[in-house]
PDB file of N, CA and C in Angstrom:
ATOM      1  N   MET A   1      -0.962 -22.699   4.238  1.00  0.00           N
ATOM      2  CA  MET A   1      -1.365 -21.859   3.139  1.00  0.00           C
ATOM      3  C   MET A   1      -2.310 -20.768   3.657  1.00  0.00           C
ATOM      4  N   VAL A   2      -2.150 -19.565   3.158  1.00  0.00           N
ATOM      5  CA  VAL A   2      -2.948 -18.429   3.564  1.00  0.00           C
ATOM      6  C   VAL A   2      -4.211 -18.363   2.716  1.00  0.00           C
ATOM      7  N   SER A   3      -5.347 -18.103   3.352  1.00  0.00           N
ATOM      8  CA  SER A   3      -6.603 -17.959   2.626  1.00  0.00           C
ATOM      9  C   SER A   3      -6.907 -16.475   2.450  1.00  0.00           C
ATOM     10  N   PHE A   4      -7.009 -16.032   1.218  1.00  0.00           N
ATOM     11  CA  PHE A   4      -7.335 -14.647   0.924  1.00  0.00           C
ATOM     12  C   PHE A   4      -8.851 -14.445   0.854  1.00  0.00           C
ATOM     13  N   ALA A   5      -9.633 -15.514   0.957  1.00  0.00           N
ATOM     14  CA  ALA A   5     -11.086 -15.443   0.796  1.00  0.00           C
ATOM     15  C   ALA A   5     -11.757 -14.568   1.850  1.00  0.00           C
ATOM     16  N   LYS A   6     -11.157 -14.418   3.019  1.00  0.00           N
ATOM     17  CA  LYS A   6     -11.779 -13.657   4.100  1.00  0.00           C
ATOM     18  C   LYS A   6     -11.482 -12.155   4.040  1.00  0.00           C
ATOM     19  N   ILE A   7     -10.647 -11.723   3.098  1.00  0.00           N
ATOM     20  CA  ILE A   7     -10.292 -10.311   3.004  1.00  0.00           C
ATOM     21  C   ILE A   7     -11.412  -9.571   2.279  1.00  0.00           C
ATOM     22  N   PRO A   8     -12.030  -8.585   2.947  1.00  0.00           N
ATOM     23  CA  PRO A   8     -13.125  -7.863   2.308  1.00  0.00           C
ATOM     24  C   PRO A   8     -12.639  -7.021   1.125  1.00  0.00           C
ATOM     25  N   ASP A   9     -13.453  -6.920   0.103  1.00  0.00           N
ATOM     26  CA  ASP A   9     -13.197  -6.092  -1.082  1.00  0.00           C
ATOM     27  C   ASP A   9     -11.939  -6.490  -1.845  1.00  0.00           C
ATOM     28  N   LEU A  10     -11.488  -7.725  -1.707  1.00  0.00           N
ATOM     29  CA  LEU A  10     -10.290  -8.195  -2.401  1.00  0.00           C
ATOM     30  C   LEU A  10     -10.564  -8.293  -3.898  1.00  0.00           C
ATOM     31  N   VAL A  11      -9.649  -7.728  -4.706  1.00  0.00           N
ATOM     32  CA  VAL A  11      -9.784  -7.833  -6.160  1.00  0.00           C
ATOM     33  C   VAL A  11      -8.595  -8.556  -6.783  1.00  0.00           C
ATOM     34  N   GLY A  12      -7.584  -8.865  -5.991  1.00  0.00           N
ATOM     35  CA  GLY A  12      -6.446  -9.615  -6.497  1.00  0.00           C
ATOM     36  C   GLY A  12      -5.387  -9.786  -5.425  1.00  0.00           C
ATOM     37  N   TYR A  13      -4.506 -10.779  -5.612  1.00  0.00           N
ATOM     38  CA  TYR A  13      -3.427 -10.981  -4.649  1.00  0.00           C
ATOM     39  C   TYR A  13      -2.216 -11.613  -5.300  1.00  0.00           C
ATOM     40  N   LEU A  14      -1.079 -11.444  -4.637  1.00  0.00           N
ATOM     41  CA  LEU A  14       0.187 -12.075  -5.009  1.00  0.00           C
ATOM     42  C   LEU A  14       0.802 -12.676  -3.760  1.00  0.00           C
ATOM     43  N   VAL A  15       1.457 -13.797  -3.903  1.00  0.00           N
ATOM     44  CA  VAL A  15       2.327 -14.342  -2.869  1.00  0.00           C
ATOM     45  C   VAL A  15       3.688 -14.494  -3.533  1.00  0.00           C
ATOM     46  N   LEU A  16       4.707 -13.857  -2.939  1.00  0.00           N
ATOM     47  CA  LEU A  16       6.046 -13.836  -3.517  1.00  0.00           C
ATOM     48  C   LEU A  16       7.048 -14.478  -2.579  1.00  0.00           C
ATOM     49  N   THR A  17       8.144 -14.952  -3.139  1.00  0.00           N
ATOM     50  CA  THR A  17       9.265 -15.369  -2.305  1.00  0.00           C
ATOM     51  C   THR A  17       9.926 -14.107  -1.765  1.00  0.00           C
ATOM     52  N   GLU A  18      10.843 -14.241  -0.828  1.00  0.00           N
ATOM     53  CA  GLU A  18      11.527 -13.070  -0.286  1.00  0.00           C
ATOM     54  C   GLU A  18      12.371 -12.363  -1.344  1.00  0.00           C
ATOM     55  N   TYR A  19      12.597 -13.018  -2.479  1.00  0.00           N
ATOM     56  CA  TYR A  19      13.373 -12.424  -3.571  1.00  0.00           C
ATOM     57  C   TYR A  19      12.487 -11.864  -4.682  1.00  0.00           C
ATOM     58  N   GLY A  20      11.151 -12.005  -4.550  1.00  0.00           N
ATOM     59  CA  GLY A  20      10.225 -11.418  -5.501  1.00  0.00           C
ATOM     60  C   GLY A  20       9.652 -12.342  -6.557  1.00  0.00           C
ATOM     61  N   ALA A  21       9.971 -13.628  -6.524  1.00  0.00           N
ATOM     62  CA  ALA A  21       9.401 -14.569  -7.488  1.00  0.00           C
ATOM     63  C   ALA A  21       7.947 -14.867  -7.108  1.00  0.00           C
ATOM     64  N   VAL A  22       7.072 -14.916  -8.091  1.00  0.00           N
ATOM     65  CA  VAL A  22       5.650 -15.158  -7.852  1.00  0.00           C
ATOM     66  C   VAL A  22       5.412 -16.636  -7.553  1.00  0.00           C
ATOM     67  N   LEU A  23       4.817 -16.904  -6.393  1.00  0.00           N
ATOM     68  CA  LEU A  23       4.446 -18.264  -6.007  1.00  0.00           C
ATOM     69  C   LEU A  23       2.970 -18.539  -6.304  1.00  0.00           C
ATOM     70  N   GLU A  24       2.126 -17.553  -5.983  1.00  0.00           N
ATOM     71  CA  GLU A  24       0.683 -17.659  -6.203  1.00  0.00           C
ATOM     72  C   GLU A  24       0.168 -16.293  -6.631  1.00  0.00           C
ATOM     73  N   SER A  25      -0.930 -16.294  -7.386  1.00  0.00           N
ATOM     74  CA  SER A  25      -1.556 -15.030  -7.766  1.00  0.00           C
ATOM     75  C   SER A  25      -2.970 -15.297  -8.235  1.00  0.00           C
ATOM     76  N   ASP A  26      -3.797 -14.241  -8.196  1.00  0.00           N
ATOM     77  CA  ASP A  26      -5.169 -14.365  -8.681  1.00  0.00           C
ATOM     78  C   ASP A  26      -5.754 -12.973  -8.862  1.00  0.00           C
ATOM     79  N   GLY A  27      -6.881 -12.906  -9.571  1.00  0.00           N
ATOM     80  CA  GLY A  27      -7.598 -11.652  -9.762  1.00  0.00           C
ATOM     81  C   GLY A  27      -6.803 -10.653 -10.587  1.00  0.00           C
ATOM     82  N   ASP A  28      -6.895  -9.379 -10.224  1.00  0.00           N
ATOM     83  CA  ASP A  28      -6.205  -8.312 -10.954  1.00  0.00           C
ATOM     84  C   ASP A  28      -4.683  -8.480 -10.968  1.00  0.00           C
ATOM     85  N   LEU A  29      -4.146  -9.218 -10.023  1.00  0.00           N
ATOM     86  CA  LEU A  29      -2.691  -9.382  -9.927  1.00  0.00           C
ATOM     87  C   LEU A  29      -2.207 -10.731 -10.462  1.00  0.00           C
ATOM     88  N   LYS A  30      -3.058 -11.462 -11.138  1.00  0.00           N
ATOM     89  CA  LYS A  30      -2.681 -12.788 -11.649  1.00  0.00           C
ATOM     90  C   LYS A  30      -1.471 -12.678 -12.579  1.00  0.00           C
ATOM     91  N   ASN A  31      -0.407 -13.375 -12.211  1.00  0.00           N
ATOM     92  CA  ASN A  31       0.846 -13.414 -12.977  1.00  0.00           C
ATOM     93  C   ASN A  31       1.430 -12.025 -13.254  1.00  0.00           C
ATOM     94  N   ASP A  32       1.224 -11.087 -12.351  1.00  0.00           N
ATOM     95  CA  ASP A  32       1.681  -9.711 -12.556  1.00  0.00           C
ATOM     96  C   ASP A  32       3.123  -9.546 -12.072  1.00  0.00           C
ATOM     97  N   GLU A  33       4.064  -9.871 -12.960  1.00  0.00           N
ATOM     98  CA  GLU A  33       5.498  -9.772 -12.643  1.00  0.00           C
ATOM     99  C   GLU A  33       5.925  -8.320 -12.408  1.00  0.00           C
ATOM    100  N   ASN A  34       5.305  -7.388 -13.134  1.00  0.00           N
ATOM    101  CA  ASN A  34       5.637  -5.976 -12.954  1.00  0.00           C
ATOM    102  C   ASN A  34       5.306  -5.518 -11.534  1.00  0.00           C
ATOM    103  N   CYS A  35       4.136  -5.877 -11.043  1.00  0.00           N
ATOM    104  CA  CYS A  35       3.745  -5.534  -9.674  1.00  0.00           C
ATOM    105  C   CYS A  35       4.695  -6.195  -8.674  1.00  0.00           C
ATOM    106  N   ALA A  36       5.075  -7.427  -8.932  1.00  0.00           N
ATOM    107  CA  ALA A  36       6.017  -8.130  -8.041  1.00  0.00           C
ATOM    108  C   ALA A  36       7.349  -7.388  -7.974  1.00  0.00           C
ATOM    109  N   ASN A  37       7.835  -6.891  -9.112  1.00  0.00           N
ATOM    110  CA  ASN A  37       9.091  -6.134  -9.129  1.00  0.00           C
ATOM    111  C   ASN A  37       8.964  -4.818  -8.374  1.00  0.00           C
ATOM    112  N   ILE A  38       7.831  -4.134  -8.529  1.00  0.00           N
ATOM    113  CA  ILE A  38       7.611  -2.873  -7.823  1.00  0.00           C
ATOM    114  C   ILE A  38       7.542  -3.112  -6.317  1.00  0.00           C
ATOM    115  N   VAL A  39       6.819  -4.138  -5.903  1.00  0.00           N
ATOM    116  CA  VAL A  39       6.701  -4.451  -4.474  1.00  0.00           C
ATOM    117  C   VAL A  39       8.074  -4.760  -3.884  1.00  0.00           C
ATOM    118  N   THR A  40       8.858  -5.552  -4.591  1.00  0.00           N
ATOM    119  CA  THR A  40      10.202  -5.888  -4.119  1.00  0.00           C
ATOM    120  C   THR A  40      11.053  -4.630  -3.995  1.00  0.00           C
ATOM    121  N   SER A  41      10.942  -3.715  -4.952  1.00  0.00           N
ATOM    122  CA  SER A  41      11.692  -2.456  -4.890  1.00  0.00           C
ATOM    123  C   SER A  41      11.266  -1.603  -3.701  1.00  0.00           C
ATOM    124  N   ILE A  42       9.968  -1.551  -3.424  1.00  0.00           N
ATOM    125  CA  ILE A  42       9.466  -0.785  -2.278  1.00  0.00           C
ATOM    126  C   ILE A  42      10.002  -1.360  -0.972  1.00  0.00           C
ATOM    127  N   ILE A  43      10.003  -2.670  -0.857  1.00  0.00           N
ATOM    128  CA  ILE A  43      10.520  -3.311   0.360  1.00  0.00           C
ATOM    129  C   ILE A  43      12.007  -3.037   0.513  1.00  0.00           C
ATOM    130  N   ASN A  44      12.760  -3.137  -0.577  1.00  0.00           N
ATOM    131  CA  ASN A  44      14.196  -2.841  -0.520  1.00  0.00           C
ATOM    132  C   ASN A  44      14.445  -1.387  -0.143  1.00  0.00           C
ATOM    133  N   LEU A  45      13.624  -0.480  -0.652  1.00  0.00           N
ATOM    134  CA  LEU A  45      13.748   0.932  -0.309  1.00  0.00           C
ATOM    135  C   LEU A  45      13.480   1.156   1.178  1.00  0.00           C
ATOM    136  N   ALA A  46      12.433   0.521   1.696  1.00  0.00           N
ATOM    137  CA  ALA A  46      12.116   0.657   3.122  1.00  0.00           C
ATOM    138  C   ALA A  46      13.249   0.100   3.984  1.00  0.00           C
ATOM    139  N   ASP A  47      13.848  -1.005   3.552  1.00  0.00           N
ATOM    140  CA  ASP A  47      14.946  -1.613   4.317  1.00  0.00           C
ATOM    141  C   ASP A  47      16.208  -0.765   4.284  1.00  0.00           C
ATOM    142  N   SER A  48      16.392   0.020   3.210  1.00  0.00           N
ATOM    143  CA  SER A  48      17.629   0.784   3.075  1.00  0.00           C
ATOM    144  C   SER A  48      17.481   2.245   3.476  1.00  0.00           C
ATOM    145  N   ALA A  49      16.338   2.617   4.070  1.00  0.00           N
ATOM    146  CA  ALA A  49      16.106   4.010   4.447  1.00  0.00           C
ATOM    147  C   ALA A  49      17.126   4.469   5.487  1.00  0.00           C
ATOM    148  N   ASP A  50      17.461   5.745   5.409  1.00  0.00           N
ATOM    149  CA  ASP A  50      18.400   6.358   6.342  1.00  0.00           C
ATOM    150  C   ASP A  50      17.877   6.239   7.769  1.00  0.00           C
ATOM    151  N   GLU A  51      18.746   5.859   8.669  1.00  0.00           N
ATOM    152  CA  GLU A  51      18.385   5.663  10.082  1.00  0.00           C
ATOM    153  C   GLU A  51      17.801   6.944  10.693  1.00  0.00           C
ATOM    154  N   ASN A  52      18.271   8.112  10.278  1.00  0.00           N
ATOM    155  CA  ASN A  52      17.766   9.372  10.829  1.00  0.00           C
ATOM    156  C   ASN A  52      16.381   9.715  10.289  1.00  0.00           C
ATOM    157  N   THR A  53      16.095   9.298   9.071  1.00  0.00           N
ATOM    158  CA  THR A  53      14.799   9.576   8.464  1.00  0.00           C
ATOM    159  C   THR A  53      13.741   8.596   8.936  1.00  0.00           C
ATOM    160  N   LEU A  54      14.089   7.342   8.925  1.00  0.00           N
ATOM    161  CA  LEU A  54      13.163   6.283   9.317  1.00  0.00           C
ATOM    162  C   LEU A  54      13.906   5.346  10.254  1.00  0.00           C
ATOM    163  N   PRO A  55      13.683   5.482  11.563  1.00  0.00           N
ATOM    164  CA  PRO A  55      14.417   4.634  12.511  1.00  0.00           C
ATOM    165  C   PRO A  55      14.277   3.155  12.174  1.00  0.00           C
ATOM    166  N   LYS A  56      15.381   2.431  12.324  1.00  0.00           N
ATOM    167  CA  LYS A  56      15.385   1.000  11.989  1.00  0.00           C
ATOM    168  C   LYS A  56      14.386   0.253  12.855  1.00  0.00           C
ATOM    169  N   SER A  57      13.498  -0.410  12.200  1.00  0.00           N
ATOM    170  CA  SER A  57      12.563  -1.316  12.856  1.00  0.00           C
ATOM    171  C   SER A  57      12.146  -2.314  11.799  1.00  0.00           C
ATOM    172  N   ASP A  58      11.749  -3.450  12.218  1.00  0.00           N
ATOM    173  CA  ASP A  58      11.300  -4.441  11.260  1.00  0.00           C
ATOM    174  C   ASP A  58       9.959  -4.009  10.687  1.00  0.00           C
ATOM    175  N   CYS A  59       9.941  -3.769   9.414  1.00  0.00           N
ATOM    176  CA  CYS A  59       8.712  -3.388   8.730  1.00  0.00           C
ATOM    177  C   CYS A  59       7.952  -4.666   8.406  1.00  0.00           C
ATOM    178  N   HIS A  60       6.728  -4.763   8.898  1.00  0.00           N
ATOM    179  CA  HIS A  60       5.928  -5.961   8.667  1.00  0.00           C
ATOM    180  C   HIS A  60       4.771  -5.718   7.715  1.00  0.00           C
ATOM    181  N   ARG A  61       4.363  -4.426   7.564  1.00  0.00           N
ATOM    182  CA  ARG A  61       3.235  -4.134   6.692  1.00  0.00           C
ATOM    183  C   ARG A  61       3.415  -2.752   6.069  1.00  0.00           C
ATOM    184  N   ILE A  62       3.132  -2.677   4.785  1.00  0.00           N
ATOM    185  CA  ILE A  62       3.155  -1.412   4.052  1.00  0.00           C
ATOM    186  C   ILE A  62       1.820  -1.305   3.330  1.00  0.00           C
ATOM    187  N   SER A  63       1.153  -0.168   3.466  1.00  0.00           N
ATOM    188  CA  SER A  63      -0.103   0.070   2.765  1.00  0.00           C
ATOM    189  C   SER A  63       0.079   1.235   1.813  1.00  0.00           C
ATOM    190  N   ILE A  64      -0.388   1.063   0.592  1.00  0.00           N
ATOM    191  CA  ILE A  64      -0.340   2.119  -0.412  1.00  0.00           C
ATOM    192  C   ILE A  64      -1.777   2.335  -0.867  1.00  0.00           C
ATOM    193  N   VAL A  65      -2.286   3.538  -0.659  1.00  0.00           N
ATOM    194  CA  VAL A  65      -3.695   3.821  -0.902  1.00  0.00           C
ATOM    195  C   VAL A  65      -3.843   4.792  -2.066  1.00  0.00           C
ATOM    196  N   PHE A  66      -4.619   4.385  -3.050  1.00  0.00           N
ATOM    197  CA  PHE A  66      -4.983   5.223  -4.183  1.00  0.00           C
ATOM    198  C   PHE A  66      -6.454   5.595  -4.037  1.00  0.00           C
ATOM    199  N   GLU A  67      -6.976   6.355  -4.962  1.00  0.00           N
ATOM    200  CA  GLU A  67      -8.361   6.812  -4.852  1.00  0.00           C
ATOM    201  C   GLU A  67      -9.366   5.659  -4.894  1.00  0.00           C
ATOM    202  N   ASN A  68      -9.141   4.673  -5.781  1.00  0.00           N
ATOM    203  CA  ASN A  68     -10.122   3.600  -5.960  1.00  0.00           C
ATOM    204  C   ASN A  68      -9.681   2.232  -5.464  1.00  0.00           C
ATOM    205  N   HIS A  69      -8.416   2.087  -5.113  1.00  0.00           N
ATOM    206  CA  HIS A  69      -7.927   0.794  -4.650  1.00  0.00           C
ATOM    207  C   HIS A  69      -6.714   0.997  -3.751  1.00  0.00           C
ATOM    208  N   SER A  70      -6.361  -0.056  -3.040  1.00  0.00           N
ATOM    209  CA  SER A  70      -5.179  -0.003  -2.175  1.00  0.00           C
ATOM    210  C   SER A  70      -4.430  -1.323  -2.257  1.00  0.00           C
ATOM    211  N   TYR A  71      -3.160  -1.248  -1.926  1.00  0.00           N
ATOM    212  CA  TYR A  71      -2.323  -2.436  -1.843  1.00  0.00           C
ATOM    213  C   TYR A  71      -1.830  -2.556  -0.413  1.00  0.00           C
ATOM    214  N   THR A  72      -1.953  -3.737   0.153  1.00  0.00           N
ATOM    215  CA  THR A  72      -1.385  -4.007   1.463  1.00  0.00           C
ATOM    216  C   THR A  72      -0.332  -5.080   1.267  1.00  0.00           C
ATOM    217  N   ILE A  73       0.887  -4.759   1.702  1.00  0.00           N
ATOM    218  CA  ILE A  73       2.030  -5.647   1.546  1.00  0.00           C
ATOM    219  C   ILE A  73       2.421  -6.128   2.933  1.00  0.00           C
ATOM    220  N   CYS A  74       2.409  -7.426   3.145  1.00  0.00           N
ATOM    221  CA  CYS A  74       2.758  -7.997   4.443  1.00  0.00           C
ATOM    222  C   CYS A  74       3.911  -8.977   4.277  1.00  0.00           C
ATOM    223  N   LEU A  75       4.806  -8.976   5.245  1.00  0.00           N
ATOM    224  CA  LEU A  75       5.942  -9.892   5.247  1.00  0.00           C
ATOM    225  C   LEU A  75       5.741 -10.904   6.364  1.00  0.00           C
ATOM    226  N   SER A  76       5.836 -12.192   6.028  1.00  0.00           N
ATOM    227  CA  SER A  76       5.673 -13.237   7.022  1.00  0.00           C
ATOM    228  C   SER A  76       6.294 -14.531   6.512  1.00  0.00           C
ATOM    229  N   ASN A  77       7.027 -15.209   7.388  1.00  0.00           N
ATOM    230  CA  ASN A  77       7.613 -16.510   7.070  1.00  0.00           C
ATOM    231  C   ASN A  77       8.404 -16.505   5.762  1.00  0.00           C
ATOM    232  N   LYS A  78       9.211 -15.474   5.575  1.00  0.00           N
ATOM    233  CA  LYS A  78      10.055 -15.324   4.386  1.00  0.00           C
ATOM    234  C   LYS A  78       9.259 -15.272   3.089  1.00  0.00           C
ATOM    235  N   LYS A  79       8.002 -14.842   3.191  1.00  0.00           N
ATOM    236  CA  LYS A  79       7.168 -14.647   2.019  1.00  0.00           C
ATOM    237  C   LYS A  79       6.596 -13.243   2.060  1.00  0.00           C
ATOM    238  N   ILE A  80       6.245 -12.746   0.892  1.00  0.00           N
ATOM    239  CA  ILE A  80       5.646 -11.423   0.748  1.00  0.00           C
ATOM    240  C   ILE A  80       4.222 -11.626   0.242  1.00  0.00           C
ATOM    241  N   TYR A  81       3.258 -11.101   0.991  1.00  0.00           N
ATOM    242  CA  TYR A  81       1.853 -11.219   0.621  1.00  0.00           C
ATOM    243  C   TYR A  81       1.354  -9.838   0.191  1.00  0.00           C
ATOM    244  N   VAL A  82       0.738  -9.768  -0.988  1.00  0.00           N
ATOM    245  CA  VAL A  82       0.228  -8.512  -1.515  1.00  0.00           C
ATOM    246  C   VAL A  82      -1.262  -8.689  -1.790  1.00  0.00           C
ATOM    247  N   ALA A  83      -2.076  -7.839  -1.175  1.00  0.00           N
ATOM    248  CA  ALA A  83      -3.520  -7.867  -1.411  1.00  0.00           C
ATOM    249  C   ALA A  83      -3.941  -6.552  -2.042  1.00  0.00           C
ATOM    250  N   LYS A  84      -4.641  -6.629  -3.152  1.00  0.00           N
ATOM    251  CA  LYS A  84      -5.208  -5.444  -3.788  1.00  0.00           C
ATOM    252  C   LYS A  84      -6.683  -5.417  -3.434  1.00  0.00           C
ATOM    253  N   ARG A  85      -7.108  -4.302  -2.825  1.00  0.00           N
ATOM    254  CA  ARG A  85      -8.491  -4.174  -2.377  1.00  0.00           C
ATOM    255  C   ARG A  85      -9.137  -2.944  -2.980  1.00  0.00           C
ATOM    256  N   ALA A  86     -10.428  -3.051  -3.260  1.00  0.00           N
ATOM    257  CA  ALA A  86     -11.201  -1.889  -3.701  1.00  0.00           C
ATOM    258  C   ALA A  86     -11.412  -0.990  -2.494  1.00  0.00           C
ATOM    259  N   VAL A  87     -11.305   0.323  -2.709  1.00  0.00           N
ATOM    260  CA  VAL A  87     -11.540   1.283  -1.631  1.00  0.00           C
ATOM    261  C   VAL A  87     -12.987   1.722  -1.718  1.00  0.00           C
ATOM    262  N   ARG A  88     -13.720   1.473  -0.644  1.00  0.00           N
ATOM    263  CA  ARG A  88     -15.123   1.875  -0.588  1.00  0.00           C
ATOM    264  C   ARG A  88     -15.221   3.221   0.100  1.00  0.00           C
ATOM    265  N   GLY A  89     -16.293   3.941  -0.181  1.00  0.00           N
ATOM    266  CA  GLY A  89     -16.506   5.227   0.475  1.00  0.00           C
ATOM    267  C   GLY A  89     -15.500   6.272   0.050  1.00  0.00           C
ATOM    268  N   VAL A  90     -15.147   6.294  -1.246  1.00  0.00           N
ATOM    269  CA  VAL A  90     -14.142   7.213  -1.750  1.00  0.00           C
ATOM    270  C   VAL A  90     -14.519   8.654  -1.448  1.00  0.00           C
ATOM    271  N   ASN A  91     -15.799   9.008  -1.599  1.00  0.00           N
ATOM    272  CA  ASN A  91     -16.227  10.376  -1.384  1.00  0.00           C
ATOM    273  C   ASN A  91     -16.726  10.632   0.030  1.00  0.00           C
ATOM    274  N   SER A  92     -16.681   9.624   0.884  1.00  0.00           N
ATOM    275  CA  SER A  92     -17.127   9.819   2.255  1.00  0.00           C
ATOM    276  C   SER A  92     -16.001  10.431   3.072  1.00  0.00           C
ATOM    277  N   GLN A  93     -16.276  10.688   4.322  1.00  0.00           N
ATOM    278  CA  GLN A  93     -15.289  11.353   5.156  1.00  0.00           C
ATOM    279  C   GLN A  93     -14.501  10.359   5.991  1.00  0.00           C
ATOM    280  N   GLN A  94     -14.362   9.137   5.496  1.00  0.00           N
ATOM    281  CA  GLN A  94     -13.563   8.140   6.193  1.00  0.00           C
ATOM    282  C   GLN A  94     -12.101   8.513   6.058  1.00  0.00           C
ATOM    283  N   SER A  95     -11.347   8.288   7.122  1.00  0.00           N
ATOM    284  CA  SER A  95      -9.921   8.584   7.038  1.00  0.00           C
ATOM    285  C   SER A  95      -9.155   7.309   6.756  1.00  0.00           C
ATOM    286  N   SER A  96      -7.973   7.472   6.182  1.00  0.00           N
ATOM    287  CA  SER A  96      -7.120   6.332   5.879  1.00  0.00           C
ATOM    288  C   SER A  96      -6.502   5.815   7.164  1.00  0.00           C
ATOM    289  N   PRO A  97      -6.150   4.540   7.212  1.00  0.00           N
ATOM    290  CA  PRO A  97      -5.478   4.014   8.393  1.00  0.00           C
ATOM    291  C   PRO A  97      -4.127   4.695   8.570  1.00  0.00           C
ATOM    292  N   PRO A  98      -3.626   4.777   9.803  1.00  0.00           N
ATOM    293  CA  PRO A  98      -2.381   5.494  10.045  1.00  0.00           C
ATOM    294  C   PRO A  98      -1.173   4.893   9.352  1.00  0.00           C
ATOM    295  N   THR A  99      -1.240   3.642   8.895  1.00  0.00           N
ATOM    296  CA  THR A  99      -0.109   3.029   8.208  1.00  0.00           C
ATOM    297  C   THR A  99      -0.127   3.298   6.718  1.00  0.00           C
ATOM    298  N   ALA A 100      -1.126   4.039   6.235  1.00  0.00           N
ATOM    299  CA  ALA A 100      -1.267   4.237   4.796  1.00  0.00           C
ATOM    300  C   ALA A 100      -0.346   5.326   4.272  1.00  0.00           C
ATOM    301  N   ILE A 101       0.123   5.119   3.060  1.00  0.00           N
ATOM    302  CA  ILE A 101       0.869   6.135   2.334  1.00  0.00           C
ATOM    303  C   ILE A 101      -0.029   6.513   1.175  1.00  0.00           C
ATOM    304  N   GLY A 102      -0.556   7.724   1.154  1.00  0.00           N
ATOM    305  CA  GLY A 102      -1.478   8.130   0.108  1.00  0.00           C
ATOM    306  C   GLY A 102      -0.772   8.939  -0.962  1.00  0.00           C
ATOM    307  N   PHE A 103      -1.109   8.688  -2.196  1.00  0.00           N
ATOM    308  CA  PHE A 103      -0.584   9.449  -3.313  1.00  0.00           C
ATOM    309  C   PHE A 103      -1.767  10.126  -3.990  1.00  0.00           C
ATOM    310  N   GLN A 104      -1.721  11.459  -4.072  1.00  0.00           N
ATOM    311  CA  GLN A 104      -2.784  12.208  -4.712  1.00  0.00           C
ATOM    312  C   GLN A 104      -2.188  13.138  -5.743  1.00  0.00           C
ATOM    313  N   PRO A 105      -2.911  13.380  -6.835  1.00  0.00           N
ATOM    314  CA  PRO A 105      -2.448  14.399  -7.780  1.00  0.00           C
ATOM    315  C   PRO A 105      -2.384  15.749  -7.067  1.00  0.00           C
ATOM    316  N   GLU A 106      -1.478  16.614  -7.488  1.00  0.00           N
ATOM    317  CA  GLU A 106      -1.282  17.887  -6.810  1.00  0.00           C
ATOM    318  C   GLU A 106      -2.539  18.736  -6.758  1.00  0.00           C
ATOM    319  N   ASN A 107      -3.346  18.719  -7.811  1.00  0.00           N
ATOM    320  CA  ASN A 107      -4.530  19.569  -7.818  1.00  0.00           C
ATOM    321  C   ASN A 107      -5.627  19.063  -6.890  1.00  0.00           C
ATOM    322  N   LYS A 108      -5.507  17.848  -6.367  1.00  0.00           N
ATOM    323  CA  LYS A 108      -6.513  17.317  -5.452  1.00  0.00           C
ATOM    324  C   LYS A 108      -6.028  17.300  -4.012  1.00  0.00           C
ATOM    325  N   GLY A 109      -4.839  17.765  -3.751  1.00  0.00           N
ATOM    326  CA  GLY A 109      -4.279  17.725  -2.402  1.00  0.00           C
ATOM    327  C   GLY A 109      -5.016  18.655  -1.465  1.00  0.00           C
ATOM    328  N   PRO A 110      -4.900  18.417  -0.162  1.00  0.00           N
ATOM    329  CA  PRO A 110      -5.590  19.257   0.811  1.00  0.00           C
ATOM    330  C   PRO A 110      -4.977  20.651   0.852  1.00  0.00           C
ATOM    331  N   ASN A 111      -5.795  21.643   1.114  1.00  0.00           N
ATOM    332  CA  ASN A 111      -5.321  23.006   1.249  1.00  0.00           C
ATOM    333  C   ASN A 111      -4.934  23.211   2.708  1.00  0.00           C
ATOM    334  N   LEU A 112      -3.649  23.121   2.999  1.00  0.00           N
ATOM    335  CA  LEU A 112      -3.175  23.193   4.373  1.00  0.00           C
ATOM    336  C   LEU A 112      -3.219  24.607   4.928  1.00  0.00           C
ATOM    337  N   ASP A 113      -3.419  25.577   4.070  1.00  0.00           N
ATOM    338  CA  ASP A 113      -3.372  26.959   4.491  1.00  0.00           C
ATOM    339  C   ASP A 113      -4.766  27.592   4.500  1.00  0.00           C
ATOM    340  N   SER A 114      -5.825  26.800   4.598  1.00  0.00           N
ATOM    341  CA  SER A 114      -7.181  27.312   4.472  1.00  0.00           C
ATOM    342  C   SER A 114      -7.573  28.223   5.617  1.00  0.00           C
ATOM    343  N   THR A 115      -7.072  27.978   6.835  1.00  0.00           N
ATOM    344  CA  THR A 115      -7.438  28.833   7.959  1.00  0.00           C
ATOM    345  C   THR A 115      -6.845  30.221   7.815  1.00  0.00           C
ATOM    346  N   THR A 116      -5.651  30.333   7.281  1.00  0.00           N
ATOM    347  CA  THR A 116      -5.010  31.628   7.057  1.00  0.00           C
ATOM    348  C   THR A 116      -5.782  32.400   5.999  1.00  0.00           C
ATOM    349  N   GLN A 117      -6.184  31.725   4.931  1.00  0.00           N
ATOM    350  CA  GLN A 117      -6.909  32.389   3.855  1.00  0.00           C
ATOM    351  C   GLN A 117      -8.265  32.891   4.340  1.00  0.00           C
ATOM    352  N   GLN A 118      -8.942  32.119   5.172  1.00  0.00           N
ATOM    353  CA  GLN A 118     -10.253  32.517   5.648  1.00  0.00           C
ATOM    354  C   GLN A 118     -10.152  33.709   6.596  1.00  0.00           C
ATOM    355  N   SER A 119      -9.135  33.756   7.437  1.00  0.00           N
ATOM    356  CA  SER A 119      -9.031  34.825   8.406  1.00  0.00           C
ATOM    357  C   SER A 119      -8.620  36.135   7.769  1.00  0.00           C
ATOM    358  N   SER A 120      -7.951  36.088   6.600  1.00  0.00           N
ATOM    359  CA  SER A 120      -7.524  37.315   5.961  1.00  0.00           C
ATOM    360  C   SER A 120      -8.588  37.902   5.049  1.00  0.00           C
ATOM    361  N   ALA A 121      -9.656  37.155   4.787  1.00  0.00           N
ATOM    362  CA  ALA A 121     -10.706  37.628   3.871  1.00  0.00           C
ATOM    363  C   ALA A 121     -11.666  38.567   4.559  1.00  0.00           C
TER     364      ALA A 121
END
């Protein structure tokens, strides 16, 4: 059995079968069938990605980072482990881990063209 007690900033977790049935849950994700369905869909999407877009490799971890919380999805021993964690230092200059997929509203996205704008002023 996996112990989630050692995960810092944990606010909830799910343990799913490889088919998405909830085996264990607690915290914000307690009995969250909707989250289980979304996680299963994300894993199926990653498995079915085009070989040219995403080279075939065994995906073992997926991180989804929001402004105030993140989900880490891990696959092990034919089970799916989902940990929901609070994100600390939201306004600090900490960078996300390289495995993270960040979703931001369009008006908060980075200005990728800032150097061009500054040089033309």
